[in-house]
Amino acid sequence: TSESVITKEMVGQKPLKIKAVGLGTLSPSDLILEQTAVGELEKLPAYL
């Protein structure tokens, strides 16, 4: 519930910080991410 409690064990030394800009039309558990993150996540990086 706060960025201050996020530890290195959770996301490592250099995490990518982004915002969710909307919710999917099918479910409030589907997150639409800002366009700047799409290229990075489409590669399916290992941290996922």
All heavy atoms as atom14 arrays in JSON, in Angstrom:
{
  "sequence": "TSESVITKEMVGQKPLKIKAVGLGTLSPSDLILEQTAVGELEKLPAYL",
  "atom14_mask": [
    [1, 1, 1, 1, 1, 1, 1, 0, 0, 0, 0, 0, 0, 0],
    [1, 1, 1, 1, 1, 1, 0, 0, 0, 0, 0, 0, 0, 0],
    [1, 1, 1, 1, 1, 1, 1, 1, 1, 0, 0, 0, 0, 0],
    [1, 1, 1, 1, 1, 1, 0, 0, 0, 0, 0, 0, 0, 0],
    [1, 1, 1, 1, 1, 1, 1, 0, 0, 0, 0, 0, 0, 0],
    [1, 1, 1, 1, 1, 1, 1, 1, 0, 0, 0, 0, 0, 0],
    [1, 1, 1, 1, 1, 1, 1, 0, 0, 0, 0, 0, 0, 0],
    [1, 1, 1, 1, 1, 1, 1, 1, 1, 0, 0, 0, 0, 0],
    [1, 1, 1, 1, 1, 1, 1, 1, 1, 0, 0, 0, 0, 0],
    [1, 1, 1, 1, 1, 1, 1, 1, 0, 0, 0, 0, 0, 0],
    [1, 1, 1, 1, 1, 1, 1, 0, 0, 0, 0, 0, 0, 0],
    [1, 1, 1, 1, 0, 0, 0, 0, 0, 0, 0, 0, 0, 0],
    [1, 1, 1, 1, 1, 1, 1, 1, 1, 0, 0, 0, 0, 0],
    [1, 1, 1, 1, 1, 1, 1, 1, 1, 0, 0, 0, 0, 0],
    [1, 1, 1, 1, 1, 1, 1, 0, 0, 0, 0, 0, 0, 0],
    [1, 1, 1, 1, 1, 1, 1, 1, 0, 0, 0, 0, 0, 0],
    [1, 1, 1, 1, 1, 1, 1, 1, 1, 0, 0, 0, 0, 0],
    [1, 1, 1, 1, 1, 1, 1, 1, 0, 0, 0, 0, 0, 0],
    [1, 1, 1, 1, 1, 1, 1, 1, 1, 0, 0, 0, 0, 0],
    [1, 1, 1, 1, 1, 0, 0, 0, 0, 0, 0, 0, 0, 0],
    [1, 1, 1, 1, 1, 1, 1, 0, 0, 0, 0, 0, 0, 0],
    [1, 1, 1, 1, 0, 0, 0, 0, 0, 0, 0, 0, 0, 0],
    [1, 1, 1, 1, 1, 1, 1, 1, 0, 0, 0, 0, 0, 0],
    [1, 1, 1, 1, 0, 0, 0, 0, 0, 0, 0, 0, 0, 0],
    [1, 1, 1, 1, 1, 1, 1, 0, 0, 0, 0, 0, 0, 0],
    [1, 1, 1, 1, 1, 1, 1, 1, 0, 0, 0, 0, 0, 0],
    [1, 1, 1, 1, 1, 1, 0, 0, 0, 0, 0, 0, 0, 0],
    [1, 1, 1, 1, 1, 1, 1, 0, 0, 0, 0, 0, 0, 0],
    [1, 1, 1, 1, 1, 1, 0, 0, 0, 0, 0, 0, 0, 0],
    [1, 1, 1, 1, 1, 1, 1, 1, 0, 0, 0, 0, 0, 0],
    [1, 1, 1, 1, 1, 1, 1, 1, 0, 0, 0, 0, 0, 0],
    [1, 1, 1, 1, 1, 1, 1, 1, 0, 0, 0, 0, 0, 0],
    [1, 1, 1, 1, 1, 1, 1, 1, 0, 0, 0, 0, 0, 0],
    [1, 1, 1, 1, 1, 1, 1, 1, 1, 0, 0, 0, 0, 0],
    [1, 1, 1, 1, 1, 1, 1, 1, 1, 0, 0, 0, 0, 0],
    [1, 1, 1, 1, 1, 1, 1, 0, 0, 0, 0, 0, 0, 0],
    [1, 1, 1, 1, 1, 0, 0, 0, 0, 0, 0, 0, 0, 0],
    [1, 1, 1, 1, 1, 1, 1, 0, 0, 0, 0, 0, 0, 0],
    [1, 1, 1, 1, 0, 0, 0, 0, 0, 0, 0, 0, 0, 0],
    [1, 1, 1, 1, 1, 1, 1, 1, 1, 0, 0, 0, 0, 0],
    [1, 1, 1, 1, 1, 1, 1, 1, 0, 0, 0, 0, 0, 0],
    [1, 1, 1, 1, 1, 1, 1, 1, 1, 0, 0, 0, 0, 0],
    [1, 1, 1, 1, 1, 1, 1, 1, 1, 0, 0, 0, 0, 0],
    [1, 1, 1, 1, 1, 1, 1, 1, 0, 0, 0, 0, 0, 0],
    [1, 1, 1, 1, 1, 1, 1, 0, 0, 0, 0, 0, 0, 0],
    [1, 1, 1, 1, 1, 0, 0, 0, 0, 0, 0, 0, 0, 0],
    [1, 1, 1, 1, 1, 1, 1, 1, 1, 1, 1, 1, 0, 0],
    [1, 1, 1, 1, 1, 1, 1, 1, 0, 0, 0, 0, 0, 0]
  ],
  "atom14_positions": [
    [[0.82, -1.22, 0.0], [0.0, 0.0, 0.0], [0.85, 1.27, 0.0], [0.32, 2.37, 0.02], [-0.94, 0.02, 1.22], [-0.17, -0.12, 2.41], [-1.95, -1.12, 1.14], [0.0, 0.0, 0.0], [0.0, 0.0, 0.0], [0.0, 0.0, 0.0], [0.0, 0.0, 0.0], [0.0, 0.0, 0.0], [0.0, 0.0, 0.0], [0.0, 0.0, 0.0]],
    [[2.17, 1.09, -0.04], [3.08, 2.23, -0.08], [4.39, 1.81, -0.73], [4.88, 0.7, -0.5], [3.35, 2.75, 1.34], [4.38, 3.72, 1.33], [0.0, 0.0, 0.0], [0.0, 0.0, 0.0], [0.0, 0.0, 0.0], [0.0, 0.0, 0.0], [0.0, 0.0, 0.0], [0.0, 0.0, 0.0], [0.0, 0.0, 0.0], [0.0, 0.0, 0.0]],
    [[4.94, 2.7, -1.54], [6.21, 2.38, -2.2], [7.35, 2.26, -1.18], [8.34, 1.57, -1.42], [6.55, 3.46, -3.22], [7.79, 3.14, -4.05], [8.05, 4.16, -5.14], [7.16, 5.01, -5.39], [9.14, 4.11, -5.76], [0.0, 0.0, 0.0], [0.0, 0.0, 0.0], [0.0, 0.0, 0.0], [0.0, 0.0, 0.0], [0.0, 0.0, 0.0]],
    [[7.19, 2.89, -0.03], [8.26, 2.89, 0.97], [8.54, 1.5, 1.55], [9.61, 1.28, 2.1], [7.91, 3.86, 2.1], [6.73, 3.45, 2.77], [0.0, 0.0, 0.0], [0.0, 0.0, 0.0], [0.0, 0.0, 0.0], [0.0, 0.0, 0.0], [0.0, 0.0, 0.0], [0.0, 0.0, 0.0], [0.0, 0.0, 0.0], [0.0, 0.0, 0.0]],
    [[7.58, 0.58, 1.44], [7.79, -0.75, 2.02], [8.33, -1.76, 1.0], [8.58, -2.91, 1.33], [6.48, -1.29, 2.63], [5.96, -0.37, 3.71], [5.41, -1.52, 1.56], [0.0, 0.0, 0.0], [0.0, 0.0, 0.0], [0.0, 0.0, 0.0], [0.0, 0.0, 0.0], [0.0, 0.0, 0.0], [0.0, 0.0, 0.0], [0.0, 0.0, 0.0]],
    [[8.51, -1.32, -0.24], [9.05, -2.21, -1.26], [10.54, -2.41, -1.03], [11.3, -1.45, -0.9], [8.81, -1.65, -2.68], [7.31, -1.51, -2.94], [9.45, -2.55, -3.73], [6.99, -0.88, -4.27], [0.0, 0.0, 0.0], [0.0, 0.0, 0.0], [0.0, 0.0, 0.0], [0.0, 0.0, 0.0], [0.0, 0.0, 0.0], [0.0, 0.0, 0.0]],
    [[10.97, -3.67, -0.98], [12.36, -4.0, -0.68], [13.08, -4.5, -1.93], [12.46, -4.84, -2.95], [12.43, -5.08, 0.41], [11.82, -6.28, -0.1], [11.69, -4.63, 1.66], [0.0, 0.0, 0.0], [0.0, 0.0, 0.0], [0.0, 0.0, 0.0], [0.0, 0.0, 0.0], [0.0, 0.0, 0.0], [0.0, 0.0, 0.0], [0.0, 0.0, 0.0]],
    [[14.41, -4.58, -1.83], [15.21, -5.13, -2.92], [14.89, -6.59, -3.16], [14.98, -7.09, -4.28], [16.7, -4.95, -2.6], [17.16, -3.5, -2.56], [18.64, -3.41, -2.22], [19.08, -1.93, -2.15], [20.52, -1.81, -1.77], [0.0, 0.0, 0.0], [0.0, 0.0, 0.0], [0.0, 0.0, 0.0], [0.0, 0.0, 0.0], [0.0, 0.0, 0.0]],
    [[14.5, -7.28, -2.1], [14.15, -8.69, -2.25], [12.93, -8.84, -3.14], [12.79, -9.83, -3.86], [13.88, -9.29, -0.86], [13.65, -10.8, -0.85], [12.2, -11.17, -1.06], [11.32, -10.37, -0.69], [11.95, -12.27, -1.62], [0.0, 0.0, 0.0], [0.0, 0.0, 0.0], [0.0, 0.0, 0.0], [0.0, 0.0, 0.0], [0.0, 0.0, 0.0]],
    [[12.05, -7.84, -3.14], [10.83, -7.9, -3.95], [11.1, -7.63, -5.42], [10.6, -8.34, -6.3], [9.8, -6.89, -3.44], [9.23, -7.18, -2.07], [8.0, -5.9, -1.64], [7.58, -6.37, 0.03], [0.0, 0.0, 0.0], [0.0, 0.0, 0.0], [0.0, 0.0, 0.0], [0.0, 0.0, 0.0], [0.0, 0.0, 0.0], [0.0, 0.0, 0.0]],
    [[11.91, -6.59, -5.72], [12.05, -6.13, -7.11], [13.5, -5.93, -7.55], [13.74, -5.44, -8.66], [11.27, -4.82, -7.33], [9.78, -5.05, -7.19], [11.74, -3.74, -6.37], [0.0, 0.0, 0.0], [0.0, 0.0, 0.0], [0.0, 0.0, 0.0], [0.0, 0.0, 0.0], [0.0, 0.0, 0.0], [0.0, 0.0, 0.0], [0.0, 0.0, 0.0]],
    [[14.46, -6.28, -6.71], [15.86, -6.14, -7.1], [16.38, -4.72, -6.96], [15.71, -3.83, -6.42], [0.0, 0.0, 0.0], [0.0, 0.0, 0.0], [0.0, 0.0, 0.0], [0.0, 0.0, 0.0], [0.0, 0.0, 0.0], [0.0, 0.0, 0.0], [0.0, 0.0, 0.0], [0.0, 0.0, 0.0], [0.0, 0.0, 0.0], [0.0, 0.0, 0.0]],
    [[17.59, -4.5, -7.48], [18.29, -3.23, -7.32], [17.78, -2.13, -8.24], [17.8, -0.95, -7.89], [19.79, -3.44, -7.59], [20.49, -4.37, -6.62], [20.96, -3.64, -5.38], [20.76, -2.44, -5.24], [21.59, -4.36, -4.46], [0.0, 0.0, 0.0], [0.0, 0.0, 0.0], [0.0, 0.0, 0.0], [0.0, 0.0, 0.0], [0.0, 0.0, 0.0]],
    [[17.29, -2.5, -9.44], [16.94, -1.5, -10.45], [15.58, -1.83, -11.06], [15.5, -2.35, -12.18], [18.02, -1.44, -11.53], [17.83, -0.32, -12.53], [18.92, -0.35, -13.58], [18.7, 0.75, -14.63], [19.7, 0.68, -15.72], [0.0, 0.0, 0.0], [0.0, 0.0, 0.0], [0.0, 0.0, 0.0], [0.0, 0.0, 0.0], [0.0, 0.0, 0.0]],
    [[14.5, -1.54, -10.37], [13.17, -1.87, -10.91], [12.65, -0.82, -11.89], [13.03, 0.35, -11.84], [12.29, -1.91, -9.66], [12.94, -0.92, -8.73], [14.42, -1.03, -8.99], [0.0, 0.0, 0.0], [0.0, 0.0, 0.0], [0.0, 0.0, 0.0], [0.0, 0.0, 0.0], [0.0, 0.0, 0.0], [0.0, 0.0, 0.0], [0.0, 0.0, 0.0]],
    [[11.78, -1.25, -12.78], [11.08, -0.36, -13.69], [9.81, 0.11, -12.98], [9.0, -0.7, -12.53], [10.71, -1.1, -14.98], [9.79, -0.37, -15.96], [10.45, 0.9, -16.49], [9.37, -1.3, -17.1], [0.0, 0.0, 0.0], [0.0, 0.0, 0.0], [0.0, 0.0, 0.0], [0.0, 0.0, 0.0], [0.0, 0.0, 0.0], [0.0, 0.0, 0.0]],
    [[9.62, 1.44, -12.88], [8.45, 1.99, -12.2], [7.48, 2.57, -13.23], [7.86, 3.43, -14.02], [8.87, 3.09, -11.22], [9.81, 2.61, -10.11], [10.19, 3.75, -9.19], [11.16, 3.29, -8.11], [11.54, 4.4, -7.18], [0.0, 0.0, 0.0], [0.0, 0.0, 0.0], [0.0, 0.0, 0.0], [0.0, 0.0, 0.0], [0.0, 0.0, 0.0]],
    [[6.25, 2.08, -13.21], [5.25, 2.53, -14.18], [3.9, 2.71, -13.48], [3.72, 2.29, -12.34], [5.09, 1.54, -15.36], [4.66, 0.17, -14.81], [6.36, 1.43, -16.15], [4.36, -0.83, -15.91], [0.0, 0.0, 0.0], [0.0, 0.0, 0.0], [0.0, 0.0, 0.0], [0.0, 0.0, 0.0], [0.0, 0.0, 0.0], [0.0, 0.0, 0.0]],
    [[2.93, 3.31, -14.2], [1.59, 3.49, -13.68], [0.61, 2.68, -14.51], [0.79, 2.51, -15.72], [1.18, 4.96, -13.7], [1.89, 5.83, -12.68], [1.18, 7.16, -12.51], [-0.17, 6.97, -11.84], [-0.8, 8.26, -11.47], [0.0, 0.0, 0.0], [0.0, 0.0, 0.0], [0.0, 0.0, 0.0], [0.0, 0.0, 0.0], [0.0, 0.0, 0.0]],
    [[-0.42, 2.18, -13.85], [-1.54, 1.59, -14.57], [-2.47, 2.73, -14.95], [-2.81, 3.56, -14.11], [-2.25, 0.57, -13.71], [0.0, 0.0, 0.0], [0.0, 0.0, 0.0], [0.0, 0.0, 0.0], [0.0, 0.0, 0.0], [0.0, 0.0, 0.0], [0.0, 0.0, 0.0], [0.0, 0.0, 0.0], [0.0, 0.0, 0.0], [0.0, 0.0, 0.0]],
    [[-2.88, 2.79, -16.21], [-3.69, 3.91, -16.68], [-5.16, 3.55, -16.84], [-5.98, 4.41, -17.15], [-3.14, 4.45, -18.02], [-1.75, 5.02, -17.84], [-3.12, 3.35, -19.09], [0.0, 0.0, 0.0], [0.0, 0.0, 0.0], [0.0, 0.0, 0.0], [0.0, 0.0, 0.0], [0.0, 0.0, 0.0], [0.0, 0.0, 0.0], [0.0, 0.0, 0.0]],
    [[-5.49, 2.28, -16.65], [-6.88, 1.86, -16.79], [-7.06, 0.41, -16.42], [-6.1, -0.3, -16.1], [0.0, 0.0, 0.0], [0.0, 0.0, 0.0], [0.0, 0.0, 0.0], [0.0, 0.0, 0.0], [0.0, 0.0, 0.0], [0.0, 0.0, 0.0], [0.0, 0.0, 0.0], [0.0, 0.0, 0.0], [0.0, 0.0, 0.0], [0.0, 0.0, 0.0]],
    [[-8.31, -0.02, -16.46], [-8.67, -1.41, -16.16], [-9.29, -2.04, -17.39], [-9.97, -1.37, -18.17], [-9.65, -1.49, -14.99], [-9.19, -0.87, -13.68], [-10.31, -0.92, -12.65], [-7.96, -1.59, -13.14], [0.0, 0.0, 0.0], [0.0, 0.0, 0.0], [0.0, 0.0, 0.0], [0.0, 0.0, 0.0], [0.0, 0.0, 0.0], [0.0, 0.0, 0.0]],
    [[-9.08, -3.33, -17.57], [-9.65, -4.03, -18.71], [-11.17, -4.03, -18.65], [-11.78, -3.91, -17.59], [0.0, 0.0, 0.0], [0.0, 0.0, 0.0], [0.0, 0.0, 0.0], [0.0, 0.0, 0.0], [0.0, 0.0, 0.0], [0.0, 0.0, 0.0], [0.0, 0.0, 0.0], [0.0, 0.0, 0.0], [0.0, 0.0, 0.0], [0.0, 0.0, 0.0]],
    [[-11.81, -4.17, -19.81], [-13.27, -4.14, -19.86], [-13.89, -5.41, -19.3], [-15.08, -5.43, -18.97], [-13.76, -3.94, -21.31], [-13.21, -4.99, -22.12], [-13.32, -2.61, -21.84], [0.0, 0.0, 0.0], [0.0, 0.0, 0.0], [0.0, 0.0, 0.0], [0.0, 0.0, 0.0], [0.0, 0.0, 0.0], [0.0, 0.0, 0.0], [0.0, 0.0, 0.0]],
    [[-13.13, -6.48, -19.19], [-13.67, -7.74, -18.7], [-13.54, -7.91, -17.2], [-14.31, -8.64, -16.59], [-12.98, -8.93, -19.39], [-13.23, -9.09, -20.89], [-12.53, -10.33, -21.4], [-14.72, -9.16, -21.18], [0.0, 0.0, 0.0], [0.0, 0.0, 0.0], [0.0, 0.0, 0.0], [0.0, 0.0, 0.0], [0.0, 0.0, 0.0], [0.0, 0.0, 0.0]],
    [[-12.55, -7.25, -16.61], [-12.31, -7.5, -15.2], [-11.54, -6.34, -14.56], [-10.63, -5.78, -15.18], [-11.5, -8.79, -15.02], [-11.06, -8.93, -13.69], [0.0, 0.0, 0.0], [0.0, 0.0, 0.0], [0.0, 0.0, 0.0], [0.0, 0.0, 0.0], [0.0, 0.0, 0.0], [0.0, 0.0, 0.0], [0.0, 0.0, 0.0], [0.0, 0.0, 0.0]],
    [[-11.88, -6.0, -13.3], [-11.09, -5.0, -12.58], [-9.76, -5.54, -12.09], [-9.03, -4.85, -11.4], [-12.01, -4.62, -11.4], [-12.84, -5.83, -11.17], [-13.05, -6.44, -12.51], [0.0, 0.0, 0.0], [0.0, 0.0, 0.0], [0.0, 0.0, 0.0], [0.0, 0.0, 0.0], [0.0, 0.0, 0.0], [0.0, 0.0, 0.0], [0.0, 0.0, 0.0]],
    [[-9.44, -6.79, -12.45], [-8.13, -7.36, -12.14], [-7.19, -7.32, -13.34], [-6.06, -7.8, -13.25], [-8.28, -8.82, -11.66], [-9.02, -8.88, -10.46], [0.0, 0.0, 0.0], [0.0, 0.0, 0.0], [0.0, 0.0, 0.0], [0.0, 0.0, 0.0], [0.0, 0.0, 0.0], [0.0, 0.0, 0.0], [0.0, 0.0, 0.0], [0.0, 0.0, 0.0]],
    [[-7.68, -6.79, -14.47], [-6.84, -6.6, -15.66], [-6.34, -5.16, -15.67], [-7.14, -4.22, -15.66], [-7.64, -6.86, -16.94], [-7.91, -8.34, -17.16], [-7.21, -9.17, -16.56], [-8.84, -8.65, -17.93], [0.0, 0.0, 0.0], [0.0, 0.0, 0.0], [0.0, 0.0, 0.0], [0.0, 0.0, 0.0], [0.0, 0.0, 0.0], [0.0, 0.0, 0.0]],
    [[-5.03, -4.98, -15.69], [-4.43, -3.65, -15.64], [-3.92, -3.22, -17.01], [-3.15, -3.96, -17.65], [-3.27, -3.64, -14.64], [-3.65, -3.71, -13.16], [-2.4, -3.9, -12.3], [-4.39, -2.46, -12.73], [0.0, 0.0, 0.0], [0.0, 0.0, 0.0], [0.0, 0.0, 0.0], [0.0, 0.0, 0.0], [0.0, 0.0, 0.0], [0.0, 0.0, 0.0]],
    [[-4.33, -2.05, -17.44], [-3.8, -1.46, -18.67], [-2.62, -0.58, -18.27], [-2.78, 0.36, -17.48], [-4.87, -0.61, -19.39], [-6.1, -1.47, -19.71], [-4.3, 0.0, -20.67], [-7.27, -0.67, -20.21], [0.0, 0.0, 0.0], [0.0, 0.0, 0.0], [0.0, 0.0, 0.0], [0.0, 0.0, 0.0], [0.0, 0.0, 0.0], [0.0, 0.0, 0.0]],
    [[-1.46, -0.87, -18.8], [-0.25, -0.16, -18.43], [0.06, 0.94, -19.44], [-0.34, 0.88, -20.6], [0.93, -1.14, -18.35], [0.72, -2.35, -17.43], [2.0, -3.17, -17.37], [0.3, -1.91, -16.04], [0.0, 0.0, 0.0], [0.0, 0.0, 0.0], [0.0, 0.0, 0.0], [0.0, 0.0, 0.0], [0.0, 0.0, 0.0], [0.0, 0.0, 0.0]],
    [[0.79, 1.94, -18.98], [1.13, 3.06, -19.85], [1.99, 2.58, -21.02], [2.76, 1.62, -20.91], [1.84, 4.15, -19.05], [3.07, 3.7, -18.3], [3.58, 4.79, -17.37], [2.96, 5.85, -17.32], [4.6, 4.58, -16.7], [0.0, 0.0, 0.0], [0.0, 0.0, 0.0], [0.0, 0.0, 0.0], [0.0, 0.0, 0.0], [0.0, 0.0, 0.0]],
    [[1.85, 3.28, -22.14], [2.47, 2.85, -23.39], [3.99, 2.72, -23.29], [4.59, 1.86, -23.94], [2.11, 3.84, -24.5], [2.58, 3.44, -25.89], [1.93, 2.17, -26.38], [0.71, 2.0, -26.25], [2.71, 1.28, -26.98], [0.0, 0.0, 0.0], [0.0, 0.0, 0.0], [0.0, 0.0, 0.0], [0.0, 0.0, 0.0], [0.0, 0.0, 0.0]],
    [[4.62, 3.53, -22.47], [6.08, 3.5, -22.37], [6.62, 2.17, -21.87], [7.8, 1.86, -22.07], [6.57, 4.61, -21.42], [5.91, 4.47, -20.15], [6.26, 5.99, -22.0], [0.0, 0.0, 0.0], [0.0, 0.0, 0.0], [0.0, 0.0, 0.0], [0.0, 0.0, 0.0], [0.0, 0.0, 0.0], [0.0, 0.0, 0.0], [0.0, 0.0, 0.0]],
    [[5.78, 1.37, -21.22], [6.23, 0.09, -20.67], [6.01, -1.07, -21.61], [6.52, -2.18, -21.38], [5.53, -0.19, -19.35], [0.0, 0.0, 0.0], [0.0, 0.0, 0.0], [0.0, 0.0, 0.0], [0.0, 0.0, 0.0], [0.0, 0.0, 0.0], [0.0, 0.0, 0.0], [0.0, 0.0, 0.0], [0.0, 0.0, 0.0], [0.0, 0.0, 0.0]],
    [[5.23, -0.86, -22.67], [4.82, -1.97, -23.54], [6.0, -2.66, -24.19], [6.12, -3.9, -24.17], [3.82, -1.48, -24.61], [3.53, -2.59, -25.62], [2.54, -1.01, -23.96], [0.0, 0.0, 0.0], [0.0, 0.0, 0.0], [0.0, 0.0, 0.0], [0.0, 0.0, 0.0], [0.0, 0.0, 0.0], [0.0, 0.0, 0.0], [0.0, 0.0, 0.0]],
    [[6.91, -1.9, -24.78], [8.05, -2.49, -25.46], [8.89, -3.36, -24.54], [9.35, -4.45, -24.92], [0.0, 0.0, 0.0], [0.0, 0.0, 0.0], [0.0, 0.0, 0.0], [0.0, 0.0, 0.0], [0.0, 0.0, 0.0], [0.0, 0.0, 0.0], [0.0, 0.0, 0.0], [0.0, 0.0, 0.0], [0.0, 0.0, 0.0], [0.0, 0.0, 0.0]],
    [[9.12, -2.92, -23.32], [9.9, -3.68, -22.35], [9.22, -4.98, -21.96], [9.83, -6.04, -21.95], [10.14, -2.82, -21.1], [10.6, -3.56, -19.87], [12.02, -4.09, -19.95], [12.75, -3.7, -20.88], [12.39, -4.89, -19.08], [0.0, 0.0, 0.0], [0.0, 0.0, 0.0], [0.0, 0.0, 0.0], [0.0, 0.0, 0.0], [0.0, 0.0, 0.0]],
    [[7.92, -4.93, -21.66], [7.22, -6.11, -21.17], [6.88, -7.11, -22.26], [6.73, -8.3, -22.0], [5.95, -5.69, -20.43], [6.16, -4.82, -19.19], [4.85, -4.55, -18.48], [7.14, -5.48, -18.23], [0.0, 0.0, 0.0], [0.0, 0.0, 0.0], [0.0, 0.0, 0.0], [0.0, 0.0, 0.0], [0.0, 0.0, 0.0], [0.0, 0.0, 0.0]],
    [[6.75, -6.63, -23.5], [6.5, -7.56, -24.61], [7.64, -8.55, -24.8], [7.44, -9.65, -25.31], [6.27, -6.78, -25.91], [4.86, -6.26, -26.07], [4.65, -5.58, -27.4], [5.59, -4.94, -27.91], [3.53, -5.69, -27.93], [0.0, 0.0, 0.0], [0.0, 0.0, 0.0], [0.0, 0.0, 0.0], [0.0, 0.0, 0.0], [0.0, 0.0, 0.0]],
    [[8.83, -8.19, -24.36], [9.99, -9.09, -24.48], [9.96, -10.19, -23.42], [10.82, -11.08, -23.42], [11.28, -8.28, -24.34], [11.45, -7.19, -25.39], [12.67, -6.34, -25.08], [12.77, -5.16, -26.04], [13.93, -4.27, -25.69], [0.0, 0.0, 0.0], [0.0, 0.0, 0.0], [0.0, 0.0, 0.0], [0.0, 0.0, 0.0], [0.0, 0.0, 0.0]],
    [[9.01, -10.11, -22.48], [8.9, -11.06, -21.36], [10.22, -11.22, -20.62], [10.84, -12.29, -20.6], [8.4, -12.42, -21.87], [6.97, -12.45, -22.4], [6.62, -13.84, -22.89], [6.0, -12.01, -21.31], [0.0, 0.0, 0.0], [0.0, 0.0, 0.0], [0.0, 0.0, 0.0], [0.0, 0.0, 0.0], [0.0, 0.0, 0.0], [0.0, 0.0, 0.0]],
    [[10.68, -10.15, -19.96], [11.94, -10.21, -19.21], [11.86, -11.2, -18.05], [10.79, -11.47, -17.5], [12.11, -8.78, -18.71], [10.73, -8.2, -18.71], [10.03, -8.83, -19.87], [0.0, 0.0, 0.0], [0.0, 0.0, 0.0], [0.0, 0.0, 0.0], [0.0, 0.0, 0.0], [0.0, 0.0, 0.0], [0.0, 0.0, 0.0], [0.0, 0.0, 0.0]],
    [[13.01, -11.7, -17.66], [13.1, -12.78, -16.67], [12.5, -12.39, -15.32], [12.0, -13.26, -14.59], [14.56, -13.2, -16.5], [0.0, 0.0, 0.0], [0.0, 0.0, 0.0], [0.0, 0.0, 0.0], [0.0, 0.0, 0.0], [0.0, 0.0, 0.0], [0.0, 0.0, 0.0], [0.0, 0.0, 0.0], [0.0, 0.0, 0.0], [0.0, 0.0, 0.0]],
    [[12.54, -11.11, -14.95], [12.03, -10.75, -13.63], [10.52, -11.01, -13.51], [10.01, -11.2, -12.41], [12.36, -9.3, -13.27], [11.91, -8.24, -14.26], [10.59, -7.82, -14.3], [12.82, -7.63, -15.12], [10.18, -6.83, -15.18], [12.43, -6.63, -16.0], [11.1, -6.24, -16.03], [10.7, -5.26, -16.9], [0.0, 0.0, 0.0], [0.0, 0.0, 0.0]],
    [[9.8, -11.04, -14.64], [8.39, -11.41, -14.59], [8.23, -12.87, -14.2], [7.39, -13.23, -13.37], [7.72, -11.15, -15.93], [7.64, -9.7, -16.42], [6.96, -9.63, -17.77], [6.9, -8.84, -15.4], [0.0, 0.0, 0.0], [0.0, 0.0, 0.0], [0.0, 0.0, 0.0], [0.0, 0.0, 0.0], [0.0, 0.0, 0.0], [0.0, 0.0, 0.0]]
  ]
}
